Amino acid sequence: MALKKTTVMVDEEDLALIKEAAAREGRPESEYFREAFHVAALRTRRWDDDWDIPRLDFGGPVTDEDIDRAVSDGVADAE
């Protein structure tokens, strides 16, 4: 991955938090900014194709109680 230098104006409080985290975790501040730029870049992506997301049919609407019961049953089975 080729890197390009840029200048960005940031809020002083945000920068202070990044500096603290970098010192605490032993990472360069630049890694935090590269990660943030990458996340921002991913959020701007758009796809022309329709997504092939399968439609699930549960035979009717799923209620909050149905979800609570399924989670409780799953937890009980895991124990």
PDB file of N, CA and C in Angstrom:
ATOM      1  N   MET A   1       0.854  -1.170   0.000  1.00  0.00           N
ATOM      2  CA  MET A   1       0.000   0.000   0.000  1.00  0.00           C
ATOM      3  C   MET A   1       0.903   1.236   0.000  1.00  0.00           C
ATOM      4  N   ALA A   2       0.734   2.072  -0.976  1.00  0.00           N
ATOM      5  CA  ALA A   2       1.485   3.319  -1.048  1.00  0.00           C
ATOM      6  C   ALA A   2       0.830   4.352  -0.140  1.00  0.00           C
ATOM      7  N   LEU A   3       1.642   5.078   0.591  1.00  0.00           N
ATOM      8  CA  LEU A   3       1.123   6.090   1.509  1.00  0.00           C
ATOM      9  C   LEU A   3       1.384   7.473   0.946  1.00  0.00           C
ATOM     10  N   LYS A   4       0.453   8.396   1.199  1.00  0.00           N
ATOM     11  CA  LYS A   4       0.580   9.779   0.765  1.00  0.00           C
ATOM     12  C   LYS A   4       0.396  10.668   1.974  1.00  0.00           C
ATOM     13  N   LYS A   5       1.241  11.643   2.114  1.00  0.00           N
ATOM     14  CA  LYS A   5       1.167  12.562   3.243  1.00  0.00           C
ATOM     15  C   LYS A   5       0.094  13.609   3.003  1.00  0.00           C
ATOM     16  N   THR A   6      -0.647  13.943   4.064  1.00  0.00           N
ATOM     17  CA  THR A   6      -1.672  14.977   3.977  1.00  0.00           C
ATOM     18  C   THR A   6      -1.736  15.707   5.315  1.00  0.00           C
ATOM     19  N   THR A   7      -2.312  16.879   5.305  1.00  0.00           N
ATOM     20  CA  THR A   7      -2.483  17.661   6.523  1.00  0.00           C
ATOM     21  C   THR A   7      -3.969  17.733   6.838  1.00  0.00           C
ATOM     22  N   VAL A   8      -4.304  17.477   8.082  1.00  0.00           N
ATOM     23  CA  VAL A   8      -5.704  17.466   8.501  1.00  0.00           C
ATOM     24  C   VAL A   8      -5.841  18.287   9.770  1.00  0.00           C
ATOM     25  N   MET A   9      -6.843  19.114   9.822  1.00  0.00           N
ATOM     26  CA  MET A   9      -7.145  19.878  11.031  1.00  0.00           C
ATOM     27  C   MET A   9      -8.079  19.027  11.895  1.00  0.00           C
ATOM     28  N   VAL A  10      -7.729  18.865  13.179  1.00  0.00           N
ATOM     29  CA  VAL A  10      -8.549  18.057  14.081  1.00  0.00           C
ATOM     30  C   VAL A  10      -8.822  18.828  15.366  1.00  0.00           C
ATOM     31  N   ASP A  11      -9.867  18.424  16.037  1.00  0.00           N
ATOM     32  CA  ASP A  11     -10.222  19.013  17.323  1.00  0.00           C
ATOM     33  C   ASP A  11      -9.113  18.723  18.332  1.00  0.00           C
ATOM     34  N   GLU A  12      -8.747  19.711  19.124  1.00  0.00           N
ATOM     35  CA  GLU A  12      -7.654  19.555  20.087  1.00  0.00           C
ATOM     36  C   GLU A  12      -7.925  18.440  21.093  1.00  0.00           C
ATOM     37  N   GLU A  13      -9.159  18.326  21.542  1.00  0.00           N
ATOM     38  CA  GLU A  13      -9.495  17.283  22.516  1.00  0.00           C
ATOM     39  C   GLU A  13      -9.366  15.897  21.895  1.00  0.00           C
ATOM     40  N   ASP A  14      -9.798  15.760  20.639  1.00  0.00           N
ATOM     41  CA  ASP A  14      -9.655  14.476  19.951  1.00  0.00           C
ATOM     42  C   ASP A  14      -8.179  14.116  19.796  1.00  0.00           C
ATOM     43  N   LEU A  15      -7.371  15.100  19.421  1.00  0.00           N
ATOM     44  CA  LEU A  15      -5.942  14.859  19.252  1.00  0.00           C
ATOM     45  C   LEU A  15      -5.299  14.446  20.573  1.00  0.00           C
ATOM     46  N   ALA A  16      -5.701  15.083  21.657  1.00  0.00           N
ATOM     47  CA  ALA A  16      -5.162  14.728  22.968  1.00  0.00           C
ATOM     48  C   ALA A  16      -5.498  13.280  23.314  1.00  0.00           C
ATOM     49  N   LEU A  17      -6.722  12.850  23.005  1.00  0.00           N
ATOM     50  CA  LEU A  17      -7.116  11.464  23.265  1.00  0.00           C
ATOM     51  C   LEU A  17      -6.285  10.486  22.437  1.00  0.00           C
ATOM     52  N   ILE A  18      -6.031  10.842  21.181  1.00  0.00           N
ATOM     53  CA  ILE A  18      -5.206   9.987  20.316  1.00  0.00           C
ATOM     54  C   ILE A  18      -3.789   9.903  20.861  1.00  0.00           C
ATOM     55  N   LYS A  19      -3.242  11.026  21.276  1.00  0.00           N
ATOM     56  CA  LYS A  19      -1.885  11.039  21.838  1.00  0.00           C
ATOM     57  C   LYS A  19      -1.808  10.169  23.088  1.00  0.00           C
ATOM     58  N   GLU A  20      -2.809  10.258  23.954  1.00  0.00           N
ATOM     59  CA  GLU A  20      -2.831   9.440  25.171  1.00  0.00           C
ATOM     60  C   GLU A  20      -2.906   7.954  24.834  1.00  0.00           C
ATOM     61  N   ALA A  21      -3.787   7.605  23.897  1.00  0.00           N
ATOM     62  CA  ALA A  21      -3.938   6.203  23.509  1.00  0.00           C
ATOM     63  C   ALA A  21      -2.657   5.676  22.875  1.00  0.00           C
ATOM     64  N   ALA A  22      -2.030   6.476  22.036  1.00  0.00           N
ATOM     65  CA  ALA A  22      -0.792   6.054  21.376  1.00  0.00           C
ATOM     66  C   ALA A  22       0.299   5.792  22.413  1.00  0.00           C
ATOM     67  N   ALA A  23       0.415   6.660  23.390  1.00  0.00           N
ATOM     68  CA  ALA A  23       1.424   6.486  24.436  1.00  0.00           C
ATOM     69  C   ALA A  23       1.110   5.257  25.286  1.00  0.00           C
ATOM     70  N   ARG A  24      -0.162   5.084  25.607  1.00  0.00           N
ATOM     71  CA  ARG A  24      -0.582   3.973  26.452  1.00  0.00           C
ATOM     72  C   ARG A  24      -0.382   2.629  25.758  1.00  0.00           C
ATOM     73  N   GLU A  25      -0.677   2.583  24.458  1.00  0.00           N
ATOM     74  CA  GLU A  25      -0.622   1.317  23.721  1.00  0.00           C
ATOM     75  C   GLU A  25       0.687   1.116  22.963  1.00  0.00           C
ATOM     76  N   GLY A  26       1.550   2.125  22.976  1.00  0.00           N
ATOM     77  CA  GLY A  26       2.829   1.990  22.287  1.00  0.00           C
ATOM     78  C   GLY A  26       2.697   1.937  20.770  1.00  0.00           C
ATOM     79  N   ARG A  27       1.704   2.617  20.246  1.00  0.00           N
ATOM     80  CA  ARG A  27       1.484   2.675  18.786  1.00  0.00           C
ATOM     81  C   ARG A  27       1.733   4.090  18.314  1.00  0.00           C
ATOM     82  N   PRO A  28       2.169   4.241  17.063  1.00  0.00           N
ATOM     83  CA  PRO A  28       2.313   5.592  16.526  1.00  0.00           C
ATOM     84  C   PRO A  28       0.941   6.253  16.339  1.00  0.00           C
ATOM     85  N   GLU A  29       0.877   7.552  16.562  1.00  0.00           N
ATOM     86  CA  GLU A  29      -0.373   8.288  16.342  1.00  0.00           C
ATOM     87  C   GLU A  29      -0.859   8.121  14.912  1.00  0.00           C
ATOM     88  N   SER A  30       0.077   8.055  13.978  1.00  0.00           N
ATOM     89  CA  SER A  30      -0.291   7.957  12.570  1.00  0.00           C
ATOM     90  C   SER A  30      -1.139   6.721  12.276  1.00  0.00           C
ATOM     91  N   GLU A  31      -0.932   5.633  13.033  1.00  0.00           N
ATOM     92  CA  GLU A  31      -1.744   4.426  12.815  1.00  0.00           C
ATOM     93  C   GLU A  31      -3.214   4.700  13.086  1.00  0.00           C
ATOM     94  N   TYR A  32      -3.480   5.469  14.126  1.00  0.00           N
ATOM     95  CA  TYR A  32      -4.870   5.801  14.449  1.00  0.00           C
ATOM     96  C   TYR A  32      -5.516   6.601  13.317  1.00  0.00           C
ATOM     97  N   PHE A  33      -4.760   7.548  12.777  1.00  0.00           N
ATOM     98  CA  PHE A  33      -5.305   8.373  11.700  1.00  0.00           C
ATOM     99  C   PHE A  33      -5.481   7.573  10.416  1.00  0.00           C
ATOM    100  N   ARG A  34      -4.542   6.663  10.122  1.00  0.00           N
ATOM    101  CA  ARG A  34      -4.706   5.810   8.936  1.00  0.00           C
ATOM    102  C   ARG A  34      -5.942   4.939   9.080  1.00  0.00           C
ATOM    103  N   GLU A  35      -6.141   4.376  10.277  1.00  0.00           N
ATOM    104  CA  GLU A  35      -7.340   3.563  10.510  1.00  0.00           C
ATOM    105  C   GLU A  35      -8.612   4.388  10.322  1.00  0.00           C
ATOM    106  N   ALA A  36      -8.608   5.600  10.859  1.00  0.00           N
ATOM    107  CA  ALA A  36      -9.794   6.463  10.749  1.00  0.00           C
ATOM    108  C   ALA A  36     -10.074   6.807   9.288  1.00  0.00           C
ATOM    109  N   PHE A  37      -9.023   7.118   8.526  1.00  0.00           N
ATOM    110  CA  PHE A  37      -9.211   7.414   7.107  1.00  0.00           C
ATOM    111  C   PHE A  37      -9.734   6.194   6.366  1.00  0.00           C
ATOM    112  N   HIS A  38      -9.229   5.026   6.720  1.00  0.00           N
ATOM    113  CA  HIS A  38      -9.680   3.804   6.054  1.00  0.00           C
ATOM    114  C   HIS A  38     -11.167   3.565   6.322  1.00  0.00           C
ATOM    115  N   VAL A  39     -11.588   3.729   7.570  1.00  0.00           N
ATOM    116  CA  VAL A  39     -13.004   3.556   7.904  1.00  0.00           C
ATOM    117  C   VAL A  39     -13.860   4.574   7.145  1.00  0.00           C
ATOM    118  N   ALA A  40     -13.404   5.824   7.109  1.00  0.00           N
ATOM    119  CA  ALA A  40     -14.149   6.858   6.376  1.00  0.00           C
ATOM    120  C   ALA A  40     -14.231   6.516   4.890  1.00  0.00           C
ATOM    121  N   ALA A  41     -13.134   6.019   4.335  1.00  0.00           N
ATOM    122  CA  ALA A  41     -13.130   5.652   2.914  1.00  0.00           C
ATOM    123  C   ALA A  41     -14.098   4.501   2.649  1.00  0.00           C
ATOM    124  N   LEU A  42     -14.122   3.510   3.524  1.00  0.00           N
ATOM    125  CA  LEU A  42     -15.043   2.388   3.349  1.00  0.00           C
ATOM    126  C   LEU A  42     -16.491   2.840   3.410  1.00  0.00           C
ATOM    127  N   ARG A  43     -16.777   3.801   4.278  1.00  0.00           N
ATOM    128  CA  ARG A  43     -18.153   4.295   4.418  1.00  0.00           C
ATOM    129  C   ARG A  43     -18.631   5.032   3.173  1.00  0.00           C
ATOM    130  N   THR A  44     -17.717   5.532   2.355  1.00  0.00           N
ATOM    131  CA  THR A  44     -18.116   6.271   1.165  1.00  0.00           C
ATOM    132  C   THR A  44     -18.336   5.379  -0.044  1.00  0.00           C
ATOM    133  N   ARG A  45     -17.944   4.098   0.061  1.00  0.00           N
ATOM    134  CA  ARG A  45     -18.058   3.188  -1.088  1.00  0.00           C
ATOM    135  C   ARG A  45     -19.513   2.969  -1.461  1.00  0.00           C
ATOM    136  N   ARG A  46     -19.753   2.845  -2.744  1.00  0.00           N
ATOM    137  CA  ARG A  46     -21.084   2.537  -3.269  1.00  0.00           C
ATOM    138  C   ARG A  46     -20.931   1.433  -4.309  1.00  0.00           C
ATOM    139  N   TRP A  47     -21.893   0.543  -4.346  1.00  0.00           N
ATOM    140  CA  TRP A  47     -21.877  -0.546  -5.310  1.00  0.00           C
ATOM    141  C   TRP A  47     -23.039  -0.365  -6.269  1.00  0.00           C
ATOM    142  N   ASP A  48     -22.766  -0.599  -7.553  1.00  0.00           N
ATOM    143  CA  ASP A  48     -23.795  -0.480  -8.580  1.00  0.00           C
ATOM    144  C   ASP A  48     -24.683  -1.723  -8.625  1.00  0.00           C
ATOM    145  N   ASP A  49     -24.124  -2.866  -8.272  1.00  0.00           N
ATOM    146  CA  ASP A  49     -24.862  -4.118  -8.365  1.00  0.00           C
ATOM    147  C   ASP A  49     -25.818  -4.270  -7.190  1.00  0.00           C
ATOM    148  N   ASP A  50     -26.929  -4.971  -7.438  1.00  0.00           N
ATOM    149  CA  ASP A  50     -27.834  -5.317  -6.349  1.00  0.00           C
ATOM    150  C   ASP A  50     -27.185  -6.404  -5.515  1.00  0.00           C
ATOM    151  N   TRP A  51     -27.393  -6.355  -4.221  1.00  0.00           N
ATOM    152  CA  TRP A  51     -26.847  -7.370  -3.339  1.00  0.00           C
ATOM    153  C   TRP A  51     -27.760  -8.586  -3.345  1.00  0.00           C
ATOM    154  N   ASP A  52     -27.179  -9.738  -3.332  1.00  0.00           N
ATOM    155  CA  ASP A  52     -27.939 -10.980  -3.323  1.00  0.00           C
ATOM    156  C   ASP A  52     -28.105 -11.444  -1.878  1.00  0.00           C
ATOM    157  N   ILE A  53     -28.999 -10.770  -1.162  1.00  0.00           N
ATOM    158  CA  ILE A  53     -29.251 -11.093   0.239  1.00  0.00           C
ATOM    159  C   ILE A  53     -30.486 -11.985   0.288  1.00  0.00           C
ATOM    160  N   PRO A  54     -30.325 -13.186   0.852  1.00  0.00           N
ATOM    161  CA  PRO A  54     -31.486 -14.083   0.882  1.00  0.00           C
ATOM    162  C   PRO A  54     -32.599 -13.551   1.774  1.00  0.00           C
ATOM    163  N   ARG A  55     -33.818 -13.815   1.380  1.00  0.00           N
ATOM    164  CA  ARG A  55     -34.979 -13.427   2.169  1.00  0.00           C
ATOM    165  C   ARG A  55     -35.377 -14.623   3.024  1.00  0.00           C
ATOM    166  N   LEU A  56     -35.508 -14.399   4.319  1.00  0.00           N
ATOM    167  CA  LEU A  56     -35.864 -15.472   5.236  1.00  0.00           C
ATOM    168  C   LEU A  56     -37.349 -15.374   5.571  1.00  0.00           C
ATOM    169  N   ASP A  57     -38.026 -16.507   5.504  1.00  0.00           N
ATOM    170  CA  ASP A  57     -39.455 -16.539   5.802  1.00  0.00           C
ATOM    171  C   ASP A  57     -39.665 -17.343   7.074  1.00  0.00           C
ATOM    172  N   PHE A  58     -40.083 -16.682   8.122  1.00  0.00           N
ATOM    173  CA  PHE A  58     -40.329 -17.345   9.388  1.00  0.00           C
ATOM    174  C   PHE A  58     -41.806 -17.671   9.574  1.00  0.00           C
ATOM    175  N   GLY A  59     -42.585 -17.552   8.528  1.00  0.00           N
ATOM    176  CA  GLY A  59     -43.997 -17.905   8.588  1.00  0.00           C
ATOM    177  C   GLY A  59     -44.867 -16.849   9.226  1.00  0.00           C
ATOM    178  N   GLY A  60     -44.321 -15.673   9.453  1.00  0.00           N
ATOM    179  CA  GLY A  60     -45.087 -14.590  10.058  1.00  0.00           C
ATOM    180  C   GLY A  60     -44.140 -13.641  10.756  1.00  0.00           C
ATOM    181  N   PRO A  61     -44.689 -12.612  11.368  1.00  0.00           N
ATOM    182  CA  PRO A  61     -43.829 -11.634  12.039  1.00  0.00           C
ATOM    183  C   PRO A  61     -43.120 -12.247  13.245  1.00  0.00           C
ATOM    184  N   VAL A  62     -41.922 -11.763  13.510  1.00  0.00           N
ATOM    185  CA  VAL A  62     -41.138 -12.211  14.667  1.00  0.00           C
ATOM    186  C   VAL A  62     -41.255 -11.128  15.735  1.00  0.00           C
ATOM    187  N   THR A  63     -41.718 -11.518  16.914  1.00  0.00           N
ATOM    188  CA  THR A  63     -41.945 -10.554  17.997  1.00  0.00           C
ATOM    189  C   THR A  63     -40.719 -10.467  18.904  1.00  0.00           C
ATOM    190  N   ASP A  64     -40.718  -9.453  19.751  1.00  0.00           N
ATOM    191  CA  ASP A  64     -39.656  -9.319  20.748  1.00  0.00           C
ATOM    192  C   ASP A  64     -39.617 -10.544  21.656  1.00  0.00           C
ATOM    193  N   GLU A  65     -40.793 -11.053  22.000  1.00  0.00           N
ATOM    194  CA  GLU A  65     -40.875 -12.228  22.867  1.00  0.00           C
ATOM    195  C   GLU A  65     -40.260 -13.443  22.184  1.00  0.00           C
ATOM    196  N   ASP A  66     -40.475 -13.587  20.857  1.00  0.00           N
ATOM    197  CA  ASP A  66     -39.874 -14.694  20.107  1.00  0.00           C
ATOM    198  C   ASP A  66     -38.349 -14.627  20.175  1.00  0.00           C
ATOM    199  N   ILE A  67     -37.823 -13.437  20.042  1.00  0.00           N
ATOM    200  CA  ILE A  67     -36.377 -13.253  20.083  1.00  0.00           C
ATOM    201  C   ILE A  67     -35.846 -13.548  21.481  1.00  0.00           C
ATOM    202  N   ASP A  68     -36.517 -13.014  22.516  1.00  0.00           N
ATOM    203  CA  ASP A  68     -36.105 -13.264  23.903  1.00  0.00           C
ATOM    204  C   ASP A  68     -36.096 -14.763  24.203  1.00  0.00           C
ATOM    205  N   ARG A  69     -37.135 -15.462  23.759  1.00  0.00           N
ATOM    206  CA  ARG A  69     -37.238 -16.895  24.011  1.00  0.00           C
ATOM    207  C   ARG A  69     -36.110 -17.645  23.289  1.00  0.00           C
ATOM    208  N   ALA A  70     -35.839 -17.281  22.049  1.00  0.00           N
ATOM    209  CA  ALA A  70     -34.778 -17.943  21.287  1.00  0.00           C
ATOM    210  C   ALA A  70     -33.415 -17.720  21.934  1.00  0.00           C
ATOM    211  N   VAL A  71     -33.152 -16.501  22.399  1.00  0.00           N
ATOM    212  CA  VAL A  71     -31.878 -16.214  23.066  1.00  0.00           C
ATOM    213  C   VAL A  71     -31.787 -16.988  24.370  1.00  0.00           C
ATOM    214  N   SER A  72     -32.855 -16.989  25.161  1.00  0.00           N
ATOM    215  CA  SER A  72     -32.862 -17.735  26.424  1.00  0.00           C
ATOM    216  C   SER A  72     -32.635 -19.214  26.191  1.00  0.00           C
ATOM    217  N   ASP A  73     -33.304 -19.762  25.178  1.00  0.00           N
ATOM    218  CA  ASP A  73     -33.123 -21.191  24.849  1.00  0.00           C
ATOM    219  C   ASP A  73     -31.680 -21.455  24.420  1.00  0.00           C
ATOM    220  N   GLY A  74     -31.109 -20.560  23.634  1.00  0.00           N
ATOM    221  CA  GLY A  74     -29.723 -20.732  23.195  1.00  0.00           C
ATOM    222  C   GLY A  74     -28.747 -20.685  24.339  1.00  0.00           C
ATOM    223  N   VAL A  75     -28.980 -19.785  25.283  1.00  0.00           N
ATOM    224  CA  VAL A  75     -28.106 -19.680  26.463  1.00  0.00           C
ATOM    225  C   VAL A  75     -28.239 -20.930  27.315  1.00  0.00           C
ATOM    226  N   ALA A  76     -29.482 -21.389  27.508  1.00  0.00           N
ATOM    227  CA  ALA A  76     -29.710 -22.598  28.318  1.00  0.00           C
ATOM    228  C   ALA A  76     -29.050 -23.811  27.665  1.00  0.00           C
ATOM    229  N   ASP A  77     -29.101 -23.922  26.344  1.00  0.00           N
ATOM    230  CA  ASP A  77     -28.476 -25.043  25.654  1.00  0.00           C
ATOM    231  C   ASP A  77     -26.965 -25.001  25.764  1.00  0.00           C
ATOM    232  N   ALA A  78     -26.400 -23.794  25.811  1.00  0.00           N
ATOM    233  CA  ALA A  78     -24.946 -23.632  25.883  1.00  0.00           C
ATOM    234  C   ALA A  78     -24.416 -24.004  27.260  1.00  0.00           C
ATOM    235  N   GLU A  79     -25.265 -23.907  28.267  1.00  0.00           N
ATOM    236  CA  GLU A  79     -24.826 -24.232  29.637  1.00  0.00           C
ATOM    237  C   GLU A  79     -24.911 -25.682  29.826  1.00  0.00           C
TER     238      GLU A  79
END
